[in-house]
PDB file of N, CA and C in Angstrom:
ATOM      1  N   MET A   1      22.881   6.614 -12.145  1.00  0.00           N
ATOM      2  CA  MET A   1      21.737   6.205 -11.099  1.00  0.00           C
ATOM      3  C   MET A   1      20.939   6.887 -10.773  1.00  0.00           C
ATOM      4  N   ILE A   2      19.556   7.279 -11.240  1.00  0.00           N
ATOM      5  CA  ILE A   2      18.453   8.840 -10.865  1.00  0.00           C
ATOM      6  C   ILE A   2      18.226   8.504 -10.231  1.00  0.00           C
ATOM      7  N   ASP A   3      18.566  10.316 -10.182  1.00  0.00           N
ATOM      8  CA  ASP A   3      18.593  10.781  -8.955  1.00  0.00           C
ATOM      9  C   ASP A   3      16.433  10.957  -8.518  1.00  0.00           C
ATOM     10  N   ASP A   4      15.881   9.850  -7.771  1.00  0.00           N
ATOM     11  CA  ASP A   4      14.508   9.993  -7.424  1.00  0.00           C
ATOM     12  C   ASP A   4      13.474  11.048  -7.627  1.00  0.00           C
ATOM     13  N   GLN A   5      14.169  12.086  -6.892  1.00  0.00           N
ATOM     14  CA  GLN A   5      13.873  14.287  -7.663  1.00  0.00           C
ATOM     15  C   GLN A   5      13.516  14.360  -9.165  1.00  0.00           C
ATOM     16  N   PHE A   6      13.815  12.845  -9.400  1.00  0.00           N
ATOM     17  CA  PHE A   6      13.852  13.824 -10.841  1.00  0.00           C
ATOM     18  C   PHE A   6      12.348  13.050 -11.290  1.00  0.00           C
ATOM     19  N   TYR A   7      12.269  12.193 -10.714  1.00  0.00           N
ATOM     20  CA  TYR A   7       9.986  11.461 -11.109  1.00  0.00           C
ATOM     21  C   TYR A   7       9.679  12.164 -10.496  1.00  0.00           C
ATOM     22  N   SER A   8       9.932  12.723  -9.398  1.00  0.00           N
ATOM     23  CA  SER A   8       9.079  12.916  -8.430  1.00  0.00           C
ATOM     24  C   SER A   8       8.467  14.435  -8.140  1.00  0.00           C
ATOM     25  N   GLY A   9       8.656  15.243  -8.989  1.00  0.00           N
ATOM     26  CA  GLY A   9       9.178  16.940  -8.494  1.00  0.00           C
ATOM     27  C   GLY A   9       7.405  16.744  -9.398  1.00  0.00           C
ATOM     28  N   LYS A  10       6.327  18.223  -8.942  1.00  0.00           N
ATOM     29  CA  LYS A  10       4.940  18.395  -9.724  1.00  0.00           C
ATOM     30  C   LYS A  10       5.002  18.955 -10.179  1.00  0.00           C
ATOM     31  N   THR A  11       5.058  17.793 -11.524  1.00  0.00           N
ATOM     32  CA  THR A  11       5.590  18.139 -13.047  1.00  0.00           C
ATOM     33  C   THR A  11       3.745  18.406 -13.811  1.00  0.00           C
ATOM     34  N   GLN A  12       3.503  18.981 -14.991  1.00  0.00           N
ATOM     35  CA  GLN A  12       2.075  18.728 -15.551  1.00  0.00           C
ATOM     36  C   GLN A  12       1.722  17.575 -14.932  1.00  0.00           C
ATOM     37  N   VAL A  13       2.216  16.376 -15.471  1.00  0.00           N
ATOM     38  CA  VAL A  13       1.716  15.156 -15.756  1.00  0.00           C
ATOM     39  C   VAL A  13       1.251  14.755 -13.812  1.00  0.00           C
ATOM     40  N   PHE A  14       1.570  14.904 -13.075  1.00  0.00           N
ATOM     41  CA  PHE A  14       1.694  14.893 -11.858  1.00  0.00           C
ATOM     42  C   PHE A  14       0.122  15.283 -11.766  1.00  0.00           C
ATOM     43  N   TRP A  15       0.181  16.966 -12.105  1.00  0.00           N
ATOM     44  CA  TRP A  15      -1.198  17.535 -11.916  1.00  0.00           C
ATOM     45  C   TRP A  15      -2.189  17.153 -12.663  1.00  0.00           C
ATOM     46  N   VAL A  16      -2.104  16.317 -13.813  1.00  0.00           N
ATOM     47  CA  VAL A  16      -2.828  16.236 -14.767  1.00  0.00           C
ATOM     48  C   VAL A  16      -3.998  14.616 -13.795  1.00  0.00           C
ATOM     49  N   CYS A  17      -2.897  13.799 -13.545  1.00  0.00           N
ATOM     50  CA  CYS A  17      -3.127  12.563 -12.747  1.00  0.00           C
ATOM     51  C   CYS A  17      -3.986  12.768 -11.229  1.00  0.00           C
ATOM     52  N   ASP A  18      -3.123  13.478 -10.697  1.00  0.00           N
ATOM     53  CA  ASP A  18      -3.613  14.309  -9.075  1.00  0.00           C
ATOM     54  C   ASP A  18      -4.979  14.951 -10.106  1.00  0.00           C
ATOM     55  N   VAL A  19      -5.838  15.549  -9.873  1.00  0.00           N
ATOM     56  CA  VAL A  19      -6.489  16.182 -10.680  1.00  0.00           C
ATOM     57  C   VAL A  19      -8.180  15.301 -10.951  1.00  0.00           C
ATOM     58  N   LEU A  20      -7.368  14.244 -12.304  1.00  0.00           N
ATOM     59  CA  LEU A  20      -8.584  13.557 -12.615  1.00  0.00           C
ATOM     60  C   LEU A  20      -9.010  12.281 -11.402  1.00  0.00           C
ATOM     61  N   LEU A  21      -7.981  11.995 -10.370  1.00  0.00           N
ATOM     62  CA  LEU A  21      -8.159  11.030  -9.383  1.00  0.00           C
ATOM     63  C   LEU A  21      -9.070  11.634  -8.365  1.00  0.00           C
ATOM     64  N   LYS A  22      -8.486  13.186  -8.486  1.00  0.00           N
ATOM     65  CA  LYS A  22      -9.703  13.565  -7.702  1.00  0.00           C
ATOM     66  C   LYS A  22     -11.198  14.266  -7.561  1.00  0.00           C
ATOM     67  N   GLN A  23     -11.480  13.102  -9.232  1.00  0.00           N
ATOM     68  CA  GLN A  23     -12.474  14.005 -10.029  1.00  0.00           C
ATOM     69  C   GLN A  23     -13.236  15.376 -10.641  1.00  0.00           C
ATOM     70  N   ARG A  24     -12.214  16.069 -10.821  1.00  0.00           N
ATOM     71  CA  ARG A  24     -12.723  16.728 -11.415  1.00  0.00           C
ATOM     72  C   ARG A  24     -12.930  16.600 -13.679  1.00  0.00           C
ATOM     73  N   THR A  25     -13.135  17.168 -14.018  1.00  0.00           N
ATOM     74  CA  THR A  25     -13.267  17.730 -15.475  1.00  0.00           C
ATOM     75  C   THR A  25     -12.497  18.989 -15.872  1.00  0.00           C
ATOM     76  N   ILE A  26     -10.907  18.284 -16.853  1.00  0.00           N
ATOM     77  CA  ILE A  26     -10.064  19.809 -17.310  1.00  0.00           C
ATOM     78  C   ILE A  26     -10.457  19.599 -18.232  1.00  0.00           C
ATOM     79  N   THR A  27      -9.569  21.086 -18.647  1.00  0.00           N
ATOM     80  CA  THR A  27      -9.696  21.382 -20.458  1.00  0.00           C
ATOM     81  C   THR A  27      -7.682  21.860 -20.593  1.00  0.00           C
ATOM     82  N   HIS A  28      -8.188  22.342 -21.539  1.00  0.00           N
ATOM     83  CA  HIS A  28      -6.744  23.121 -22.025  1.00  0.00           C
ATOM     84  C   HIS A  28      -6.254  24.458 -21.359  1.00  0.00           C
ATOM     85  N   GLN A  29      -8.100  25.192 -20.752  1.00  0.00           N
ATOM     86  CA  GLN A  29      -7.253  25.815 -20.104  1.00  0.00           C
ATOM     87  C   GLN A  29      -7.497  26.295 -18.891  1.00  0.00           C
ATOM     88  N   THR A  30      -7.912  24.606 -18.693  1.00  0.00           N
ATOM     89  CA  THR A  30      -7.777  24.474 -17.402  1.00  0.00           C
ATOM     90  C   THR A  30      -6.082  24.591 -16.811  1.00  0.00           C
ATOM     91  N   GLU A  31      -5.593  24.017 -17.955  1.00  0.00           N
ATOM     92  CA  GLU A  31      -4.480  23.515 -17.456  1.00  0.00           C
ATOM     93  C   GLU A  31      -3.346  25.068 -17.042  1.00  0.00           C
ATOM     94  N   ILE A  32      -3.983  25.699 -18.722  1.00  0.00           N
ATOM     95  CA  ILE A  32      -3.069  27.026 -18.327  1.00  0.00           C
ATOM     96  C   ILE A  32      -2.846  27.437 -16.794  1.00  0.00           C
ATOM     97  N   GLU A  33      -4.601  27.788 -16.767  1.00  0.00           N
ATOM     98  CA  GLU A  33      -4.153  28.820 -15.484  1.00  0.00           C
ATOM     99  C   GLU A  33      -4.125  27.731 -14.558  1.00  0.00           C
ATOM    100  N   GLU A  34      -3.658  27.348 -13.834  1.00  0.00           N
ATOM    101  CA  GLU A  34      -3.631  26.698 -12.689  1.00  0.00           C
ATOM    102  C   GLU A  34      -1.659  25.931 -12.890  1.00  0.00           C
ATOM    103  N   VAL A  35      -1.420  25.725 -13.882  1.00  0.00           N
ATOM    104  CA  VAL A  35      -0.299  25.228 -14.120  1.00  0.00           C
ATOM    105  C   VAL A  35       0.257  25.167 -15.307  1.00  0.00           C
ATOM    106  N   ARG A  36       0.311  26.916 -15.995  1.00  0.00           N
ATOM    107  CA  ARG A  36       0.158  26.849 -16.936  1.00  0.00           C
ATOM    108  C   ARG A  36       1.569  26.657 -17.918  1.00  0.00           C
ATOM    109  N   GLY A  37       0.237  24.966 -17.608  1.00  0.00           N
ATOM    110  CA  GLY A  37       0.624  24.114 -19.049  1.00  0.00           C
ATOM    111  C   GLY A  37       0.071  23.605 -20.781  1.00  0.00           C
ATOM    112  N   TRP A  38       1.438  22.804 -21.288  1.00  0.00           N
ATOM    113  CA  TRP A  38       0.887  23.810 -22.790  1.00  0.00           C
ATOM    114  C   TRP A  38       0.173  22.130 -23.528  1.00  0.00           C
ATOM    115  N   ARG A  39       0.568  21.598 -22.735  1.00  0.00           N
ATOM    116  CA  ARG A  39       0.797  20.158 -23.556  1.00  0.00           C
ATOM    117  C   ARG A  39      -0.535  18.681 -22.965  1.00  0.00           C
ATOM    118  N   LEU A  40      -1.745  19.172 -22.673  1.00  0.00           N
ATOM    119  CA  LEU A  40      -2.851  18.844 -21.955  1.00  0.00           C
ATOM    120  C   LEU A  40      -3.357  17.484 -22.760  1.00  0.00           C
ATOM    121  N   GLY A  41      -3.037  17.426 -24.285  1.00  0.00           N
ATOM    122  CA  GLY A  41      -3.968  16.988 -25.209  1.00  0.00           C
ATOM    123  C   GLY A  41      -2.843  15.621 -24.703  1.00  0.00           C
ATOM    124  N   ALA A  42      -1.276  15.974 -25.374  1.00  0.00           N
ATOM    125  CA  ALA A  42      -0.423  14.938 -24.958  1.00  0.00           C
ATOM    126  C   ALA A  42      -0.275  13.839 -24.428  1.00  0.00           C
ATOM    127  N   ILE A  43      -0.041  14.712 -22.911  1.00  0.00           N
ATOM    128  CA  ILE A  43      -0.280  14.341 -21.165  1.00  0.00           C
ATOM    129  C   ILE A  43      -1.920  13.105 -21.682  1.00  0.00           C
ATOM    130  N   ILE A  44      -2.702  13.804 -21.511  1.00  0.00           N
ATOM    131  CA  ILE A  44      -3.632  12.443 -21.687  1.00  0.00           C
ATOM    132  C   ILE A  44      -3.400  10.830 -22.598  1.00  0.00           C
ATOM    133  N   HIS A  45      -3.170  11.605 -23.899  1.00  0.00           N
ATOM    134  CA  HIS A  45      -2.667  10.304 -24.980  1.00  0.00           C
ATOM    135  C   HIS A  45      -1.569  10.081 -24.077  1.00  0.00           C
ATOM    136  N   ARG A  46      -0.570  10.247 -23.609  1.00  0.00           N
ATOM    137  CA  ARG A  46       0.346   8.894 -22.993  1.00  0.00           C
ATOM    138  C   ARG A  46      -0.494   8.328 -21.873  1.00  0.00           C
ATOM    139  N   LEU A  47      -1.657   9.519 -20.647  1.00  0.00           N
ATOM    140  CA  LEU A  47      -2.074   8.006 -19.996  1.00  0.00           C
ATOM    141  C   LEU A  47      -3.165   7.501 -20.568  1.00  0.00           C
ATOM    142  N   ILE A  48      -3.476   7.669 -21.764  1.00  0.00           N
ATOM    143  CA  ILE A  48      -4.785   6.458 -22.730  1.00  0.00           C
ATOM    144  C   ILE A  48      -3.136   5.618 -22.444  1.00  0.00           C
ATOM    145  N   HIS A  49      -2.929   5.485 -23.340  1.00  0.00           N
ATOM    146  CA  HIS A  49      -1.972   4.610 -24.265  1.00  0.00           C
ATOM    147  C   HIS A  49      -1.276   4.069 -23.996  1.00  0.00           C
ATOM    148  N   ASP A  50      -0.529   4.296 -22.894  1.00  0.00           N
ATOM    149  CA  ASP A  50       1.257   4.160 -22.414  1.00  0.00           C
ATOM    150  C   ASP A  50       0.547   3.348 -20.906  1.00  0.00           C
ATOM    151  N   ASN A  51       0.189   3.870 -20.250  1.00  0.00           N
ATOM    152  CA  ASN A  51      -0.682   4.161 -18.440  1.00  0.00           C
ATOM    153  C   ASN A  51      -1.606   3.113 -18.711  1.00  0.00           C
ATOM    154  N   GLY A  52      -2.858   2.793 -19.708  1.00  0.00           N
ATOM    155  CA  GLY A  52      -3.763   2.109 -19.570  1.00  0.00           C
ATOM    156  C   GLY A  52      -5.138   2.726 -18.333  1.00  0.00           C
ATOM    157  N   TRP A  53      -5.163   4.298 -18.196  1.00  0.00           N
ATOM    158  CA  TRP A  53      -5.789   5.362 -17.683  1.00  0.00           C
ATOM    159  C   TRP A  53      -7.537   4.789 -18.644  1.00  0.00           C
ATOM    160  N   PRO A  54      -8.799   4.844 -17.480  1.00  0.00           N
ATOM    161  CA  PRO A  54      -9.647   5.176 -19.304  1.00  0.00           C
ATOM    162  C   PRO A  54     -10.412   6.769 -18.374  1.00  0.00           C
ATOM    163  N   ILE A  55     -10.263   7.052 -19.747  1.00  0.00           N
ATOM    164  CA  ILE A  55     -10.027   8.732 -19.011  1.00  0.00           C
ATOM    165  C   ILE A  55     -11.439   8.759 -20.193  1.00  0.00           C
ATOM    166  N   HIS A  56     -12.108  10.068 -19.306  1.00  0.00           N
ATOM    167  CA  HIS A  56     -13.159  10.491 -20.906  1.00  0.00           C
ATOM    168  C   HIS A  56     -13.463  11.458 -21.315  1.00  0.00           C
ATOM    169  N   ALA A  57     -13.023  11.920 -22.455  1.00  0.00           N
ATOM    170  CA  ALA A  57     -13.337  13.017 -23.323  1.00  0.00           C
ATOM    171  C   ALA A  57     -14.300  13.446 -23.753  1.00  0.00           C
ATOM    172  N   GLU A  58     -15.416  14.475 -24.019  1.00  0.00           N
ATOM    173  CA  GLU A  58     -16.488  15.142 -24.311  1.00  0.00           C
ATOM    174  C   GLU A  58     -16.512  15.675 -24.470  1.00  0.00           C
ATOM    175  N   TYR A  59     -16.450  16.999 -25.987  1.00  0.00           N
ATOM    176  CA  TYR A  59     -15.877  17.326 -26.620  1.00  0.00           C
ATOM    177  C   TYR A  59     -17.934  18.496 -26.706  1.00  0.00           C
ATOM    178  N   LEU A  60     -16.996  19.979 -26.764  1.00  0.00           N
ATOM    179  CA  LEU A  60     -18.378  20.883 -25.941  1.00  0.00           C
ATOM    180  C   LEU A  60     -17.704  21.896 -26.758  1.00  0.00           C
ATOM    181  N   GLY A  61     -19.142  22.587 -27.263  1.00  0.00           N
ATOM    182  CA  GLY A  61     -18.941  23.845 -27.605  1.00  0.00           C
ATOM    183  C   GLY A  61     -18.661  24.091 -28.856  1.00  0.00           C
ATOM    184  N   SER A  62     -18.428  25.644 -29.900  1.00  0.00           N
ATOM    185  CA  SER A  62     -18.745  25.446 -31.222  1.00  0.00           C
ATOM    186  C   SER A  62     -17.412  25.195 -31.680  1.00  0.00           C
ATOM    187  N   HIS A  63     -16.531  25.089 -30.388  1.00  0.00           N
ATOM    188  CA  HIS A  63     -15.008  24.804 -30.982  1.00  0.00           C
ATOM    189  C   HIS A  63     -14.336  23.820 -30.344  1.00  0.00           C
ATOM    190  N   ASN A  64     -16.087  23.384 -30.076  1.00  0.00           N
ATOM    191  CA  ASN A  64     -14.719  21.434 -29.931  1.00  0.00           C
ATOM    192  C   ASN A  64     -14.098  21.247 -28.908  1.00  0.00           C
ATOM    193  N   VAL A  65     -14.235  22.162 -27.834  1.00  0.00           N
ATOM    194  CA  VAL A  65     -13.054  21.931 -26.744  1.00  0.00           C
ATOM    195  C   VAL A  65     -13.217  20.313 -25.534  1.00  0.00           C
ATOM    196  N   ALA A  66     -12.368  19.470 -25.678  1.00  0.00           N
ATOM    197  CA  ALA A  66     -12.074  18.762 -25.133  1.00  0.00           C
ATOM    198  C   ALA A  66     -11.708  18.528 -23.530  1.00  0.00           C
ATOM    199  N   HIS A  67     -13.078  18.089 -22.488  1.00  0.00           N
ATOM    200  CA  HIS A  67     -13.648  18.225 -21.571  1.00  0.00           C
ATOM    201  C   HIS A  67     -12.837  16.530 -21.010  1.00  0.00           C
ATOM    202  N   TYR A  68     -11.874  16.879 -19.968  1.00  0.00           N
ATOM    203  CA  TYR A  68     -11.656  14.910 -20.015  1.00  0.00           C
ATOM    204  C   TYR A  68     -11.908  15.094 -18.809  1.00  0.00           C
ATOM    205  N   SER A  69     -11.982  13.915 -18.308  1.00  0.00           N
ATOM    206  CA  SER A  69     -12.172  13.550 -17.212  1.00  0.00           C
ATOM    207  C   SER A  69     -11.722  12.199 -16.803  1.00  0.00           C
ATOM    208  N   LEU A  70     -12.247  11.833 -15.246  1.00  0.00           N
ATOM    209  CA  LEU A  70     -11.374   9.829 -15.316  1.00  0.00           C
ATOM    210  C   LEU A  70     -12.798   8.733 -14.651  1.00  0.00           C
ATOM    211  N   LYS A  71     -13.092   7.808 -15.855  1.00  0.00           N
ATOM    212  CA  LYS A  71     -13.929   6.688 -15.625  1.00  0.00           C
ATOM    213  C   LYS A  71     -14.479   6.538 -14.765  1.00  0.00           C
ATOM    214  N   ALA A  72     -15.982   6.727 -13.800  1.00  0.00           N
ATOM    215  CA  ALA A  72     -16.358   6.627 -12.538  1.00  0.00           C
ATOM    216  C   ALA A  72     -16.355   5.236 -12.093  1.00  0.00           C
ATOM    217  N   GLU A  73     -16.586   4.853 -13.176  1.00  0.00           N
ATOM    218  CA  GLU A  73     -16.498   2.739 -12.620  1.00  0.00           C
ATOM    219  C   GLU A  73     -14.886   2.068 -12.689  1.00  0.00           C
ATOM    220  N   VAL A  74     -13.344   3.389 -12.538  1.00  0.00           N
ATOM    221  CA  VAL A  74     -12.225   3.004 -12.524  1.00  0.00           C
ATOM    222  C   VAL A  74     -12.191   1.861 -11.469  1.00  0.00           C
ATOM    223  N   ASP A  75     -10.904   1.024 -11.437  1.00  0.00           N
ATOM    224  CA  ASP A  75     -10.728   0.701 -10.743  1.00  0.00           C
ATOM    225  C   ASP A  75      -9.297   1.150 -10.054  1.00  0.00           C
ATOM    226  N   ARG A  76      -9.555   1.939  -9.386  1.00  0.00           N
ATOM    227  CA  ARG A  76      -8.140   2.982  -8.584  1.00  0.00           C
ATOM    228  C   ARG A  76      -6.273   2.338  -8.681  1.00  0.00           C
ATOM    229  N   ALA A  77      -7.196   0.800  -7.920  1.00  0.00           N
ATOM    230  CA  ALA A  77      -6.138   0.490  -7.585  1.00  0.00           C
ATOM    231  C   ALA A  77      -5.221  -0.115  -8.946  1.00  0.00           C
ATOM    232  N   ALA A  78      -5.687  -0.585  -9.687  1.00  0.00           N
ATOM    233  CA  ALA A  78      -5.004  -1.016 -10.889  1.00  0.00           C
ATOM    234  C   ALA A  78      -4.480  -0.418 -12.386  1.00  0.00           C
ATOM    235  N   ILE A  79      -4.832   1.438 -11.573  1.00  0.00           N
ATOM    236  CA  ILE A  79      -3.921   2.564 -12.555  1.00  0.00           C
ATOM    237  C   ILE A  79      -2.837   2.194 -12.272  1.00  0.00           C
ATOM    238  N   ARG A  80      -1.577   2.621 -13.470  1.00  0.00           N
ATOM    239  CA  ARG A  80      -0.434   2.653 -13.395  1.00  0.00           C
ATOM    240  C   ARG A  80       0.085   3.989 -13.967  1.00  0.00           C
ATOM    241  N   PHE A  81       1.078   4.381 -13.030  1.00  0.00           N
ATOM    242  CA  PHE A  81       1.335   5.448 -12.327  1.00  0.00           C
ATOM    243  C   PHE A  81       2.255   5.756 -13.950  1.00  0.00           C
ATOM    244  N   PRO A  82       2.662   6.690 -14.419  1.00  0.00           N
ATOM    245  CA  PRO A  82       3.774   7.494 -14.556  1.00  0.00           C
ATOM    246  C   PRO A  82       4.634   7.344 -14.173  1.00  0.00           C
ATOM    247  N   PRO A  83       6.289   7.680 -13.894  1.00  0.00           N
ATOM    248  CA  PRO A  83       7.021   7.887 -12.844  1.00  0.00           C
ATOM    249  C   PRO A  83       7.257   8.747 -13.051  1.00  0.00           C
ATOM    250  N   SER A  84       6.388   9.718 -12.874  1.00  0.00           N
ATOM    251  CA  SER A  84       6.595  11.336 -12.296  1.00  0.00           C
ATOM    252  C   SER A  84       5.184  11.533 -10.975  1.00  0.00           C
ATOM    253  N   ALA A  85       4.787  10.382 -11.043  1.00  0.00           N
ATOM    254  CA  ALA A  85       3.133  11.219 -10.325  1.00  0.00           C
ATOM    255  C   ALA A  85       2.483   9.534  -9.880  1.00  0.00           C
ATOM    256  N   ARG A  86       4.037   8.641  -9.407  1.00  0.00           N
ATOM    257  CA  ARG A  86       4.619   7.496  -8.694  1.00  0.00           C
ATOM    258  C   ARG A  86       3.306   7.857  -6.921  1.00  0.00           C
ATOM    259  N   SER A  87       4.364   8.951  -6.878  1.00  0.00           N
ATOM    260  CA  SER A  87       3.732   9.063  -5.970  1.00  0.00           C
ATOM    261  C   SER A  87       2.256   9.968  -5.079  1.00  0.00           C
ATOM    262  N   LEU A  88       1.315   9.417  -6.636  1.00  0.00           N
ATOM    263  CA  LEU A  88       0.234   9.738  -6.402  1.00  0.00           C
ATOM    264  C   LEU A  88      -0.777   7.659  -5.938  1.00  0.00           C
ATOM    265  N   ALA A  89       0.250   7.371  -6.626  1.00  0.00           N
ATOM    266  CA  ALA A  89       0.020   5.701  -6.467  1.00  0.00           C
ATOM    267  C   ALA A  89      -0.309   5.655  -4.495  1.00  0.00           C
ATOM    268  N   LYS A  90       0.931   5.601  -3.957  1.00  0.00           N
ATOM    269  CA  LYS A  90       0.696   5.683  -2.738  1.00  0.00           C
ATOM    270  C   LYS A  90      -0.087   6.285  -1.708  1.00  0.00           C
ATOM    271  N   GLN A  91      -0.656   7.772  -1.978  1.00  0.00           N
ATOM    272  CA  GLN A  91      -1.144   7.733  -1.783  1.00  0.00           C
ATOM    273  C   GLN A  91      -3.543   7.623  -1.498  1.00  0.00           C
ATOM    274  N   GLU A  92      -2.821   7.077  -2.886  1.00  0.00           N
ATOM    275  CA  GLU A  92      -4.431   5.672  -3.353  1.00  0.00           C
ATOM    276  C   GLU A  92      -4.255   4.573  -1.929  1.00  0.00           C
ATOM    277  N   GLU A  93      -3.123   4.393  -1.957  1.00  0.00           N
ATOM    278  CA  GLU A  93      -2.967   2.435  -1.260  1.00  0.00           C
ATOM    279  C   GLU A  93      -3.602   3.309   0.337  1.00  0.00           C
ATOM    280  N   VAL A  94      -2.933   4.241   0.492  1.00  0.00           N
ATOM    281  CA  VAL A  94      -3.920   4.686   2.175  1.00  0.00           C
ATOM    282  C   VAL A  94      -5.180   4.775   2.000  1.00  0.00           C
ATOM    283  N   GLN A  95      -5.676   5.709   1.757  1.00  0.00           N
ATOM    284  CA  GLN A  95      -6.868   5.922   1.322  1.00  0.00           C
ATOM    285  C   GLN A  95      -8.143   4.825   1.404  1.00  0.00           C
TER     286      GLN A  95
END
């Protein structure tokens, strides 16, 4: 049996889901500064391909830095949440 705390901790995945739902645009540097994470590209890839999140990526500057945001036309009720961010789905239902 898996302890519920294993999935509900405030992980990097949780943080990415939370900030995207708050309509923030994030970069790898944002992740480093706010949660000391290093895998933003991998998290975004899994959210898109495993969970169907409609994430927009824009590459800016001379180094083509990826800026990620949730597409404005998203049906928030249809988003599938990864296990570590499922508590956000409940918050979405309340709003």
